[in-house]
């Protein structure tokens, strides 16, 4: 297991995206899609893991999903390790914030 991060994750969506471009273009050039399993990491982690897949586990209920690293954000200033897409958040049963474990997918 290649552990990347453990900490609090928030989520973002087209309906509520602080700092998103008006076209909702993510850092990898694709458009944000609330139905896709994606994740935003801090700029340093994004550069390393851009377009790679990670497994994200909700530490409260154990649910895990695989998501693609597609974006970066300023959530680190709020002491959060990642932003989850709406689909990713819902798939692992997170509320607005949840404690997650993020590992590089095999």
PDB file of N, CA and C in Angstrom:
ATOM      1  N   UNK A   1       0.845  -1.179   0.000  1.00  0.00           N
ATOM      2  CA  UNK A   1       0.000   0.000   0.000  1.00  0.00           C
ATOM      3  C   UNK A   1       0.888   1.239   0.000  1.00  0.00           C
ATOM      4  N   UNK A   2       0.637   2.153  -0.917  1.00  0.00           N
ATOM      5  CA  UNK A   2       1.347   3.428  -0.977  1.00  0.00           C
ATOM      6  C   UNK A   2       0.473   4.513  -0.371  1.00  0.00           C
ATOM      7  N   UNK A   3       0.579   4.687   0.943  1.00  0.00           N
ATOM      8  CA  UNK A   3      -0.222   5.688   1.631  1.00  0.00           C
ATOM      9  C   UNK A   3       0.204   7.078   1.194  1.00  0.00           C
ATOM     10  N   UNK A   4      -0.749   7.872   0.774  1.00  0.00           N
ATOM     11  CA  UNK A   4      -0.478   9.251   0.412  1.00  0.00           C
ATOM     12  C   UNK A   4      -0.860  10.193   1.544  1.00  0.00           C
ATOM     13  N   UNK A   5      -2.111  10.089   1.993  1.00  0.00           N
ATOM     14  CA  UNK A   5      -2.637  11.058   2.949  1.00  0.00           C
ATOM     15  C   UNK A   5      -3.695  10.455   3.849  1.00  0.00           C
ATOM     16  N   UNK A   6      -3.780  10.966   5.057  1.00  0.00           N
ATOM     17  CA  UNK A   6      -4.913  10.729   5.949  1.00  0.00           C
ATOM     18  C   UNK A   6      -5.295  12.085   6.505  1.00  0.00           C
ATOM     19  N   UNK A   7      -6.573  12.400   6.435  1.00  0.00           N
ATOM     20  CA  UNK A   7      -7.033  13.678   6.966  1.00  0.00           C
ATOM     21  C   UNK A   7      -8.440  13.989   6.525  1.00  0.00           C
ATOM     22  N   UNK A   8      -8.839  15.218   6.749  1.00  0.00           N
ATOM     23  CA  UNK A   8     -10.194  15.652   6.447  1.00  0.00           C
ATOM     24  C   UNK A   8     -10.294  16.077   4.982  1.00  0.00           C
ATOM     25  N   UNK A   9     -11.324  15.573   4.318  1.00  0.00           N
ATOM     26  CA  UNK A   9     -11.619  15.945   2.937  1.00  0.00           C
ATOM     27  C   UNK A   9     -12.940  16.703   2.893  1.00  0.00           C
ATOM     28  N   UNK A  10     -12.997  17.650   1.996  1.00  0.00           N
ATOM     29  CA  UNK A  10     -14.238  18.352   1.702  1.00  0.00           C
ATOM     30  C   UNK A  10     -14.671  17.908   0.306  1.00  0.00           C
ATOM     31  N   UNK A  11     -15.687  18.554  -0.234  1.00  0.00           N
ATOM     32  CA  UNK A  11     -16.092  18.203  -1.585  1.00  0.00           C
ATOM     33  C   UNK A  11     -16.413  19.468  -2.367  1.00  0.00           C
ATOM     34  N   UNK A  12     -16.447  19.317  -3.677  1.00  0.00           N
ATOM     35  CA  UNK A  12     -16.839  20.422  -4.535  1.00  0.00           C
ATOM     36  C   UNK A  12     -17.706  19.906  -5.661  1.00  0.00           C
ATOM     37  N   UNK A  13     -18.538  20.791  -6.187  1.00  0.00           N
ATOM     38  CA  UNK A  13     -19.466  20.422  -7.248  1.00  0.00           C
ATOM     39  C   UNK A  13     -19.727  21.649  -8.110  1.00  0.00           C
ATOM     40  N   UNK A  14     -20.404  21.441  -9.203  1.00  0.00           N
ATOM     41  CA  UNK A  14     -20.746  22.563 -10.064  1.00  0.00           C
ATOM     42  C   UNK A  14     -21.632  23.554  -9.318  1.00  0.00           C
ATOM     43  N   UNK A  15     -22.507  23.062  -8.468  1.00  0.00           N
ATOM     44  CA  UNK A  15     -23.397  23.954  -7.710  1.00  0.00           C
ATOM     45  C   UNK A  15     -22.659  24.741  -6.632  1.00  0.00           C
ATOM     46  N   UNK A  16     -21.549  24.223  -6.145  1.00  0.00           N
ATOM     47  CA  UNK A  16     -20.822  24.901  -5.088  1.00  0.00           C
ATOM     48  C   UNK A  16     -19.335  24.689  -5.221  1.00  0.00           C
ATOM     49  N   UNK A  17     -18.699  25.556  -5.974  1.00  0.00           N
ATOM     50  CA  UNK A  17     -17.271  25.391  -6.241  1.00  0.00           C
ATOM     51  C   UNK A  17     -16.559  26.714  -6.018  1.00  0.00           C
ATOM     52  N   UNK A  18     -15.934  26.861  -4.863  1.00  0.00           N
ATOM     53  CA  UNK A  18     -15.191  28.074  -4.558  1.00  0.00           C
ATOM     54  C   UNK A  18     -13.895  28.091  -5.349  1.00  0.00           C
ATOM     55  N   UNK A  19     -13.648  29.161  -6.050  1.00  0.00           N
ATOM     56  CA  UNK A  19     -12.397  29.302  -6.787  1.00  0.00           C
ATOM     57  C   UNK A  19     -12.348  28.612  -8.134  1.00  0.00           C
ATOM     58  N   UNK A  20     -13.434  27.984  -8.545  1.00  0.00           N
ATOM     59  CA  UNK A  20     -13.444  27.324  -9.857  1.00  0.00           C
ATOM     60  C   UNK A  20     -13.531  28.367 -10.965  1.00  0.00           C
ATOM     61  N   UNK A  21     -12.997  28.007 -12.115  1.00  0.00           N
ATOM     62  CA  UNK A  21     -13.131  28.879 -13.281  1.00  0.00           C
ATOM     63  C   UNK A  21     -14.590  28.880 -13.731  1.00  0.00           C
ATOM     64  N   UNK A  22     -14.977  29.885 -14.470  1.00  0.00           N
ATOM     65  CA  UNK A  22     -16.365  29.982 -14.937  1.00  0.00           C
ATOM     66  C   UNK A  22     -16.741  28.819 -15.851  1.00  0.00           C
ATOM     67  N   UNK A  23     -15.746  28.196 -16.486  1.00  0.00           N
ATOM     68  CA  UNK A  23     -16.015  27.052 -17.359  1.00  0.00           C
ATOM     69  C   UNK A  23     -15.873  25.723 -16.617  1.00  0.00           C
ATOM     70  N   UNK A  24     -15.541  25.792 -15.337  1.00  0.00           N
ATOM     71  CA  UNK A  24     -15.343  24.596 -14.494  1.00  0.00           C
ATOM     72  C   UNK A  24     -14.252  23.686 -15.046  1.00  0.00           C
ATOM     73  N   UNK A  25     -13.230  24.269 -15.655  1.00  0.00           N
ATOM     74  CA  UNK A  25     -12.098  23.502 -16.152  1.00  0.00           C
ATOM     75  C   UNK A  25     -11.162  23.190 -14.992  1.00  0.00           C
ATOM     76  N   UNK A  26     -10.822  21.916 -14.846  1.00  0.00           N
ATOM     77  CA  UNK A  26      -9.941  21.486 -13.767  1.00  0.00           C
ATOM     78  C   UNK A  26      -8.480  21.636 -14.187  1.00  0.00           C
ATOM     79  N   UNK A  27      -7.588  21.431 -13.264  1.00  0.00           N
ATOM     80  CA  UNK A  27      -6.152  21.617 -13.509  1.00  0.00           C
ATOM     81  C   UNK A  27      -5.605  20.698 -14.590  1.00  0.00           C
ATOM     82  N   UNK A  28      -6.253  19.568 -14.843  1.00  0.00           N
ATOM     83  CA  UNK A  28      -5.777  18.659 -15.892  1.00  0.00           C
ATOM     84  C   UNK A  28      -6.379  18.992 -17.253  1.00  0.00           C
ATOM     85  N   UNK A  29      -7.175  20.071 -17.337  1.00  0.00           N
ATOM     86  CA  UNK A  29      -7.755  20.506 -18.602  1.00  0.00           C
ATOM     87  C   UNK A  29      -9.146  19.985 -18.890  1.00  0.00           C
ATOM     88  N   UNK A  30      -9.617  19.017 -18.106  1.00  0.00           N
ATOM     89  CA  UNK A  30     -10.956  18.481 -18.298  1.00  0.00           C
ATOM     90  C   UNK A  30     -11.973  19.332 -17.545  1.00  0.00           C
ATOM     91  N   UNK A  31     -13.239  19.202 -17.909  1.00  0.00           N
ATOM     92  CA  UNK A  31     -14.306  19.936 -17.247  1.00  0.00           C
ATOM     93  C   UNK A  31     -14.805  19.135 -16.038  1.00  0.00           C
ATOM     94  N   UNK A  32     -15.070  19.843 -14.934  1.00  0.00           N
ATOM     95  CA  UNK A  32     -15.630  19.196 -13.751  1.00  0.00           C
ATOM     96  C   UNK A  32     -16.959  18.554 -14.107  1.00  0.00           C
ATOM     97  N   UNK A  33     -17.126  17.311 -13.698  1.00  0.00           N
ATOM     98  CA  UNK A  33     -18.354  16.559 -13.949  1.00  0.00           C
ATOM     99  C   UNK A  33     -18.755  15.914 -12.631  1.00  0.00           C
ATOM    100  N   UNK A  34     -19.908  16.323 -12.097  1.00  0.00           N
ATOM    101  CA  UNK A  34     -20.365  15.823 -10.801  1.00  0.00           C
ATOM    102  C   UNK A  34     -20.593  14.319 -10.778  1.00  0.00           C
ATOM    103  N   UNK A  35     -20.681  13.674 -11.935  1.00  0.00           N
ATOM    104  CA  UNK A  35     -20.955  12.235 -11.987  1.00  0.00           C
ATOM    105  C   UNK A  35     -19.681  11.389 -12.072  1.00  0.00           C
ATOM    106  N   UNK A  36     -18.527  12.032 -12.201  1.00  0.00           N
ATOM    107  CA  UNK A  36     -17.254  11.308 -12.339  1.00  0.00           C
ATOM    108  C   UNK A  36     -16.563  11.167 -10.989  1.00  0.00           C
ATOM    109  N   UNK A  37     -15.861  10.052 -10.815  1.00  0.00           N
ATOM    110  CA  UNK A  37     -15.081   9.796  -9.602  1.00  0.00           C
ATOM    111  C   UNK A  37     -13.736  10.492  -9.751  1.00  0.00           C
ATOM    112  N   UNK A  38     -13.655  11.713  -9.207  1.00  0.00           N
ATOM    113  CA  UNK A  38     -12.424  12.486  -9.286  1.00  0.00           C
ATOM    114  C   UNK A  38     -12.088  13.070  -7.922  1.00  0.00           C
ATOM    115  N   UNK A  39     -10.851  13.558  -7.815  1.00  0.00           N
ATOM    116  CA  UNK A  39     -10.363  14.128  -6.567  1.00  0.00           C
ATOM    117  C   UNK A  39      -9.384  15.253  -6.890  1.00  0.00           C
ATOM    118  N   UNK A  40      -9.402  16.275  -6.052  1.00  0.00           N
ATOM    119  CA  UNK A  40      -8.438  17.364  -6.137  1.00  0.00           C
ATOM    120  C   UNK A  40      -7.475  17.228  -4.963  1.00  0.00           C
ATOM    121  N   UNK A  41      -6.189  17.364  -5.250  1.00  0.00           N
ATOM    122  CA  UNK A  41      -5.164  17.319  -4.208  1.00  0.00           C
ATOM    123  C   UNK A  41      -4.466  18.673  -4.128  1.00  0.00           C
ATOM    124  N   UNK A  42      -3.642  18.855  -3.120  1.00  0.00           N
ATOM    125  CA  UNK A  42      -2.868  20.085  -3.003  1.00  0.00           C
ATOM    126  C   UNK A  42      -1.950  20.209  -4.215  1.00  0.00           C
ATOM    127  N   UNK A  43      -1.506  21.421  -4.539  1.00  0.00           N
ATOM    128  CA  UNK A  43      -0.669  21.583  -5.741  1.00  0.00           C
ATOM    129  C   UNK A  43       0.546  20.662  -5.795  1.00  0.00           C
ATOM    130  N   UNK A  44       1.264  20.496  -4.704  1.00  0.00           N
ATOM    131  CA  UNK A  44       2.452  19.619  -4.713  1.00  0.00           C
ATOM    132  C   UNK A  44       2.063  18.176  -5.007  1.00  0.00           C
ATOM    133  N   UNK A  45       1.014  17.684  -4.373  1.00  0.00           N
ATOM    134  CA  UNK A  45       0.569  16.307  -4.620  1.00  0.00           C
ATOM    135  C   UNK A  45      -0.031  16.159  -6.010  1.00  0.00           C
ATOM    136  N   UNK A  46      -0.732  17.182  -6.481  1.00  0.00           N
ATOM    137  CA  UNK A  46      -1.318  17.117  -7.823  1.00  0.00           C
ATOM    138  C   UNK A  46      -0.224  16.940  -8.874  1.00  0.00           C
ATOM    139  N   UNK A  47       0.846  17.695  -8.775  1.00  0.00           N
ATOM    140  CA  UNK A  47       1.928  17.585  -9.766  1.00  0.00           C
ATOM    141  C   UNK A  47       2.493  16.166  -9.814  1.00  0.00           C
ATOM    142  N   UNK A  48       2.584  15.527  -8.667  1.00  0.00           N
ATOM    143  CA  UNK A  48       3.121  14.171  -8.601  1.00  0.00           C
ATOM    144  C   UNK A  48       2.130  13.131  -9.110  1.00  0.00           C
ATOM    145  N   UNK A  49       0.844  13.315  -8.817  1.00  0.00           N
ATOM    146  CA  UNK A  49      -0.152  12.273  -9.081  1.00  0.00           C
ATOM    147  C   UNK A  49      -1.185  12.629 -10.146  1.00  0.00           C
ATOM    148  N   UNK A  50      -0.958  13.689 -10.905  1.00  0.00           N
ATOM    149  CA  UNK A  50      -1.891  14.129 -11.945  1.00  0.00           C
ATOM    150  C   UNK A  50      -2.284  12.968 -12.860  1.00  0.00           C
ATOM    151  N   UNK A  51      -3.601  12.798 -13.024  1.00  0.00           N
ATOM    152  CA  UNK A  51      -4.205  11.783 -13.896  1.00  0.00           C
ATOM    153  C   UNK A  51      -3.942  10.345 -13.451  1.00  0.00           C
ATOM    154  N   UNK A  52      -3.445  10.144 -12.244  1.00  0.00           N
ATOM    155  CA  UNK A  52      -3.296   8.797 -11.687  1.00  0.00           C
ATOM    156  C   UNK A  52      -4.535   8.486 -10.857  1.00  0.00           C
ATOM    157  N   UNK A  53      -4.697   7.217 -10.538  1.00  0.00           N
ATOM    158  CA  UNK A  53      -5.841   6.802  -9.738  1.00  0.00           C
ATOM    159  C   UNK A  53      -5.420   6.549  -8.300  1.00  0.00           C
ATOM    160  N   UNK A  54      -6.302   6.931  -7.393  1.00  0.00           N
ATOM    161  CA  UNK A  54      -6.093   6.701  -5.966  1.00  0.00           C
ATOM    162  C   UNK A  54      -7.326   6.015  -5.398  1.00  0.00           C
ATOM    163  N   UNK A  55      -7.123   5.276  -4.338  1.00  0.00           N
ATOM    164  CA  UNK A  55      -8.229   4.675  -3.598  1.00  0.00           C
ATOM    165  C   UNK A  55      -8.482   5.550  -2.376  1.00  0.00           C
ATOM    166  N   UNK A  56      -9.734   5.945  -2.190  1.00  0.00           N
ATOM    167  CA  UNK A  56     -10.124   6.828  -1.102  1.00  0.00           C
ATOM    168  C   UNK A  56     -11.061   6.057  -0.193  1.00  0.00           C
ATOM    169  N   UNK A  57     -10.716   5.998   1.090  1.00  0.00           N
ATOM    170  CA  UNK A  57     -11.526   5.280   2.078  1.00  0.00           C
ATOM    171  C   UNK A  57     -12.076   6.253   3.099  1.00  0.00           C
ATOM    172  N   UNK A  58     -13.379   6.173   3.327  1.00  0.00           N
ATOM    173  CA  UNK A  58     -14.016   6.923   4.400  1.00  0.00           C
ATOM    174  C   UNK A  58     -13.654   6.195   5.693  1.00  0.00           C
ATOM    175  N   UNK A  59     -12.904   6.851   6.577  1.00  0.00           N
ATOM    176  CA  UNK A  59     -12.405   6.215   7.795  1.00  0.00           C
ATOM    177  C   UNK A  59     -13.525   5.873   8.779  1.00  0.00           C
ATOM    178  N   UNK A  60     -14.682   6.507   8.651  1.00  0.00           N
ATOM    179  CA  UNK A  60     -15.793   6.246   9.572  1.00  0.00           C
ATOM    180  C   UNK A  60     -16.546   4.965   9.227  1.00  0.00           C
ATOM    181  N   UNK A  61     -16.765   4.716   7.920  1.00  0.00           N
ATOM    182  CA  UNK A  61     -17.577   3.553   7.544  1.00  0.00           C
ATOM    183  C   UNK A  61     -16.822   2.497   6.741  1.00  0.00           C
ATOM    184  N   UNK A  62     -15.579   2.761   6.360  1.00  0.00           N
ATOM    185  CA  UNK A  62     -14.764   1.793   5.635  1.00  0.00           C
ATOM    186  C   UNK A  62     -15.028   1.701   4.143  1.00  0.00           C
ATOM    187  N   UNK A  63     -15.968   2.481   3.618  1.00  0.00           N
ATOM    188  CA  UNK A  63     -16.256   2.424   2.182  1.00  0.00           C
ATOM    189  C   UNK A  63     -15.093   3.022   1.399  1.00  0.00           C
ATOM    190  N   UNK A  64     -14.749   2.340   0.294  1.00  0.00           N
ATOM    191  CA  UNK A  64     -13.627   2.763  -0.543  1.00  0.00           C
ATOM    192  C   UNK A  64     -14.074   2.885  -1.992  1.00  0.00           C
ATOM    193  N   UNK A  65     -13.512   3.859  -2.676  1.00  0.00           N
ATOM    194  CA  UNK A  65     -13.777   4.056  -4.095  1.00  0.00           C
ATOM    195  C   UNK A  65     -12.473   4.469  -4.780  1.00  0.00           C
ATOM    196  N   UNK A  66     -12.373   4.181  -6.061  1.00  0.00           N
ATOM    197  CA  UNK A  66     -11.210   4.586  -6.858  1.00  0.00           C
ATOM    198  C   UNK A  66     -11.578   5.855  -7.627  1.00  0.00           C
ATOM    199  N   UNK A  67     -10.697   6.851  -7.575  1.00  0.00           N
ATOM    200  CA  UNK A  67     -10.952   8.123  -8.250  1.00  0.00           C
ATOM    201  C   UNK A  67      -9.686   8.598  -8.947  1.00  0.00           C
ATOM    202  N   UNK A  68      -9.870   9.427  -9.947  1.00  0.00           N
ATOM    203  CA  UNK A  68      -8.759   9.982 -10.726  1.00  0.00           C
ATOM    204  C   UNK A  68      -8.381  11.354 -10.179  1.00  0.00           C
ATOM    205  N   UNK A  69      -7.087  11.593 -10.046  1.00  0.00           N
ATOM    206  CA  UNK A  69      -6.581  12.887  -9.598  1.00  0.00           C
ATOM    207  C   UNK A  69      -6.643  13.835 -10.794  1.00  0.00           C
ATOM    208  N   UNK A  70      -7.551  14.815 -10.720  1.00  0.00           N
ATOM    209  CA  UNK A  70      -7.797  15.689 -11.864  1.00  0.00           C
ATOM    210  C   UNK A  70      -7.622  17.167 -11.568  1.00  0.00           C
ATOM    211  N   UNK A  71      -7.517  17.528 -10.301  1.00  0.00           N
ATOM    212  CA  UNK A  71      -7.571  18.942  -9.978  1.00  0.00           C
ATOM    213  C   UNK A  71      -6.736  19.268  -8.750  1.00  0.00           C
ATOM    214  N   UNK A  72      -6.570  20.541  -8.526  1.00  0.00           N
ATOM    215  CA  UNK A  72      -5.865  21.062  -7.371  1.00  0.00           C
ATOM    216  C   UNK A  72      -6.725  22.144  -6.753  1.00  0.00           C
ATOM    217  N   UNK A  73      -6.394  22.545  -5.547  1.00  0.00           N
ATOM    218  CA  UNK A  73      -7.204  23.578  -4.915  1.00  0.00           C
ATOM    219  C   UNK A  73      -6.527  24.184  -3.709  1.00  0.00           C
ATOM    220  N   UNK A  74      -7.184  25.170  -3.156  1.00  0.00           N
ATOM    221  CA  UNK A  74      -6.653  25.895  -2.014  1.00  0.00           C
ATOM    222  C   UNK A  74      -7.206  25.447  -0.681  1.00  0.00           C
ATOM    223  N   UNK A  75      -7.711  24.227  -0.617  1.00  0.00           N
ATOM    224  CA  UNK A  75      -8.339  23.723   0.600  1.00  0.00           C
ATOM    225  C   UNK A  75      -7.337  23.446   1.710  1.00  0.00           C
ATOM    226  N   UNK A  76      -6.045  23.398   1.382  1.00  0.00           N
ATOM    227  CA  UNK A  76      -5.000  23.160   2.385  1.00  0.00           C
ATOM    228  C   UNK A  76      -5.000  24.222   3.467  1.00  0.00           C
ATOM    229  N   UNK A  77      -5.350  25.445   3.106  1.00  0.00           N
ATOM    230  CA  UNK A  77      -5.393  26.523   4.109  1.00  0.00           C
ATOM    231  C   UNK A  77      -6.482  26.282   5.151  1.00  0.00           C
ATOM    232  N   UNK A  78      -7.423  25.377   4.846  1.00  0.00           N
ATOM    233  CA  UNK A  78      -8.470  24.996   5.797  1.00  0.00           C
ATOM    234  C   UNK A  78      -8.129  23.689   6.505  1.00  0.00           C
ATOM    235  N   UNK A  79      -6.870  23.247   6.354  1.00  0.00           N
ATOM    236  CA  UNK A  79      -6.360  22.013   6.973  1.00  0.00           C
ATOM    237  C   UNK A  79      -7.088  20.774   6.451  1.00  0.00           C
ATOM    238  N   UNK A  80      -7.391  20.787   5.157  1.00  0.00           N
ATOM    239  CA  UNK A  80      -8.010  19.637   4.500  1.00  0.00           C
ATOM    240  C   UNK A  80      -7.003  19.041   3.524  1.00  0.00           C
ATOM    241  N   UNK A  81      -7.066  17.731   3.336  1.00  0.00           N
ATOM    242  CA  UNK A  81      -6.088  17.049   2.481  1.00  0.00           C
ATOM    243  C   UNK A  81      -6.546  16.917   1.034  1.00  0.00           C
ATOM    244  N   UNK A  82      -7.851  17.063   0.794  1.00  0.00           N
ATOM    245  CA  UNK A  82      -8.367  16.853  -0.559  1.00  0.00           C
ATOM    246  C   UNK A  82      -9.768  17.423  -0.681  1.00  0.00           C
ATOM    247  N   UNK A  83     -10.178  17.611  -1.929  1.00  0.00           N
ATOM    248  CA  UNK A  83     -11.562  17.901  -2.286  1.00  0.00           C
ATOM    249  C   UNK A  83     -12.045  16.743  -3.139  1.00  0.00           C
ATOM    250  N   UNK A  84     -13.185  16.202  -2.809  1.00  0.00           N
ATOM    251  CA  UNK A  84     -13.766  15.086  -3.548  1.00  0.00           C
ATOM    252  C   UNK A  84     -14.842  15.608  -4.489  1.00  0.00           C
ATOM    253  N   UNK A  85     -14.971  14.991  -5.643  1.00  0.00           N
ATOM    254  CA  UNK A  85     -16.104  15.328  -6.510  1.00  0.00           C
ATOM    255  C   UNK A  85     -17.371  14.857  -5.816  1.00  0.00           C
ATOM    256  N   UNK A  86     -18.505  15.370  -6.265  1.00  0.00           N
ATOM    257  CA  UNK A  86     -19.789  14.987  -5.667  1.00  0.00           C
ATOM    258  C   UNK A  86     -20.007  13.475  -5.750  1.00  0.00           C
ATOM    259  N   UNK A  87     -19.680  12.866  -6.899  1.00  0.00           N
ATOM    260  CA  UNK A  87     -19.850  11.414  -7.059  1.00  0.00           C
ATOM    261  C   UNK A  87     -18.961  10.637  -6.089  1.00  0.00           C
ATOM    262  N   UNK A  88     -17.720  11.089  -5.918  1.00  0.00           N
ATOM    263  CA  UNK A  88     -16.793  10.413  -5.011  1.00  0.00           C
ATOM    264  C   UNK A  88     -17.282  10.524  -3.578  1.00  0.00           C
ATOM    265  N   UNK A  89     -17.662  11.722  -3.174  1.00  0.00           N
ATOM    266  CA  UNK A  89     -18.193  11.972  -1.832  1.00  0.00           C
ATOM    267  C   UNK A  89     -19.382  11.054  -1.540  1.00  0.00           C
ATOM    268  N   UNK A  90     -20.323  11.000  -2.467  1.00  0.00           N
ATOM    269  CA  UNK A  90     -21.524  10.187  -2.257  1.00  0.00           C
ATOM    270  C   UNK A  90     -21.217   8.695  -2.239  1.00  0.00           C
ATOM    271  N   UNK A  91     -20.285   8.254  -3.072  1.00  0.00           N
ATOM    272  CA  UNK A  91     -19.960   6.827  -3.165  1.00  0.00           C
ATOM    273  C   UNK A  91     -19.388   6.277  -1.862  1.00  0.00           C
ATOM    274  N   UNK A  92     -18.654   7.108  -1.117  1.00  0.00           N
ATOM    275  CA  UNK A  92     -18.080   6.620   0.142  1.00  0.00           C
ATOM    276  C   UNK A  92     -18.868   7.091   1.361  1.00  0.00           C
ATOM    277  N   UNK A  93     -20.000   7.728   1.121  1.00  0.00           N
ATOM    278  CA  UNK A  93     -20.893   8.090   2.215  1.00  0.00           C
ATOM    279  C   UNK A  93     -20.408   9.232   3.088  1.00  0.00           C
ATOM    280  N   UNK A  94     -19.745  10.198   2.492  1.00  0.00           N
ATOM    281  CA  UNK A  94     -19.285  11.366   3.261  1.00  0.00           C
ATOM    282  C   UNK A  94     -20.396  12.399   3.365  1.00  0.00           C
ATOM    283  N   UNK A  95     -20.357  13.153   4.453  1.00  0.00           N
ATOM    284  CA  UNK A  95     -21.191  14.345   4.526  1.00  0.00           C
ATOM    285  C   UNK A  95     -20.365  15.476   3.931  1.00  0.00           C
ATOM    286  N   UNK A  96     -20.541  16.691   4.375  1.00  0.00           N
ATOM    287  CA  UNK A  96     -19.771  17.801   3.813  1.00  0.00           C
ATOM    288  C   UNK A  96     -18.270  17.629   4.048  1.00  0.00           C
ATOM    289  N   UNK A  97     -17.902  17.094   5.195  1.00  0.00           N
ATOM    290  CA  UNK A  97     -16.507  16.819   5.543  1.00  0.00           C
ATOM    291  C   UNK A  97     -16.415  15.396   6.064  1.00  0.00           C
ATOM    292  N   UNK A  98     -15.313  14.717   5.778  1.00  0.00           N
ATOM    293  CA  UNK A  98     -15.113  13.401   6.371  1.00  0.00           C
ATOM    294  C   UNK A  98     -13.631  13.076   6.411  1.00  0.00           C
ATOM    295  N   UNK A  99     -13.272  12.203   7.336  1.00  0.00           N
ATOM    296  CA  UNK A  99     -11.885  11.766   7.455  1.00  0.00           C
ATOM    297  C   UNK A  99     -11.663  10.635   6.456  1.00  0.00           C
ATOM    298  N   UNK A 100     -10.618  10.803   5.636  1.00  0.00           N
ATOM    299  CA  UNK A 100     -10.337   9.832   4.588  1.00  0.00           C
ATOM    300  C   UNK A 100      -8.882   9.362   4.647  1.00  0.00           C
ATOM    301  N   UNK A 101      -8.682   8.194   4.058  1.00  0.00           N
ATOM    302  CA  UNK A 101      -7.340   7.674   3.801  1.00  0.00           C
ATOM    303  C   UNK A 101      -7.217   7.590   2.291  1.00  0.00           C
ATOM    304  N   UNK A 102      -6.124   8.118   1.748  1.00  0.00           N
ATOM    305  CA  UNK A 102      -5.918   8.131   0.302  1.00  0.00           C
ATOM    306  C   UNK A 102      -4.632   7.357   0.001  1.00  0.00           C
ATOM    307  N   UNK A 103      -4.744   6.328  -0.845  1.00  0.00           N
ATOM    308  CA  UNK A 103      -3.585   5.534  -1.231  1.00  0.00           C
ATOM    309  C   UNK A 103      -3.507   5.474  -2.757  1.00  0.00           C
ATOM    310  N   UNK A 104      -2.302   5.368  -3.271  1.00  0.00           N
ATOM    311  CA  UNK A 104      -2.106   5.212  -4.700  1.00  0.00           C
ATOM    312  C   UNK A 104      -2.646   3.858  -5.124  1.00  0.00           C
ATOM    313  N   UNK A 105      -3.491   3.844  -6.155  1.00  0.00           N
ATOM    314  CA  UNK A 105      -4.096   2.599  -6.610  1.00  0.00           C
ATOM    315  C   UNK A 105      -3.064   1.749  -7.346  1.00  0.00           C
ATOM    316  N   UNK A 106      -3.207   0.452  -7.236  1.00  0.00           N
ATOM    317  CA  UNK A 106      -2.322  -0.484  -7.931  1.00  0.00           C
ATOM    318  C   UNK A 106      -2.806  -0.723  -9.346  1.00  0.00           C
TER     319      UNK A 106
END
